[in-house]
Each structure stands twice: as C-alpha cells, then as structure tokens.
C-alpha cells in the first residue's frame, strides 16, 4: 500500500498515452495534391510504409497502415502532408 498512489499515477499515464495513440491511429495523414511535387521524401520517412506514389506520380497515404505519427509531415519540404487536427 506504500506505493499505491505511484501505481495509480502510472496507470493513469499509461491510459492517457494509450488513448492518445488510439486517437492518432484514427487520423491518418492527408496529401494536398496541389502542393505535392512527388519528391518522395515522405515515402522514405514513413516507418509504416503507408505512403506510395499514385498514378499521377504524387504521394498517396494508405489510411489502414498510417499511424498518424507525423514523420511524413516533417519530411515534406512543401508542407503537402497534414494530420487532421494539427497545425
């Protein structure tokens, strides 16, 4: 019982972290085709392999694979990728 508050606090933190991941998982990246140049930097940066080129030669996100981590948004020099709800 000496560490009950510590364990309760850790449990809350784990729940919050898990909830944040679950929300991010539901929000995949989106590509602005007017801004995308097809440079491929986002494809190289995606750890999940969720981005590929479409028939137009532009980036396309597979929503089933995308975890919403945002690494592609940071890699894009043209800011063509966004995560909904982020600025």
Foldseek 3Di string as FASTA:
>chain_A
DVCPVVVVVVVVVVVVVVVVQVVLLQWFKDFQVVQFPLPCQLCVQDPQNQWDADPVSGIDGNSNRGSNPCRSCVRDPRSRIDTPPDD
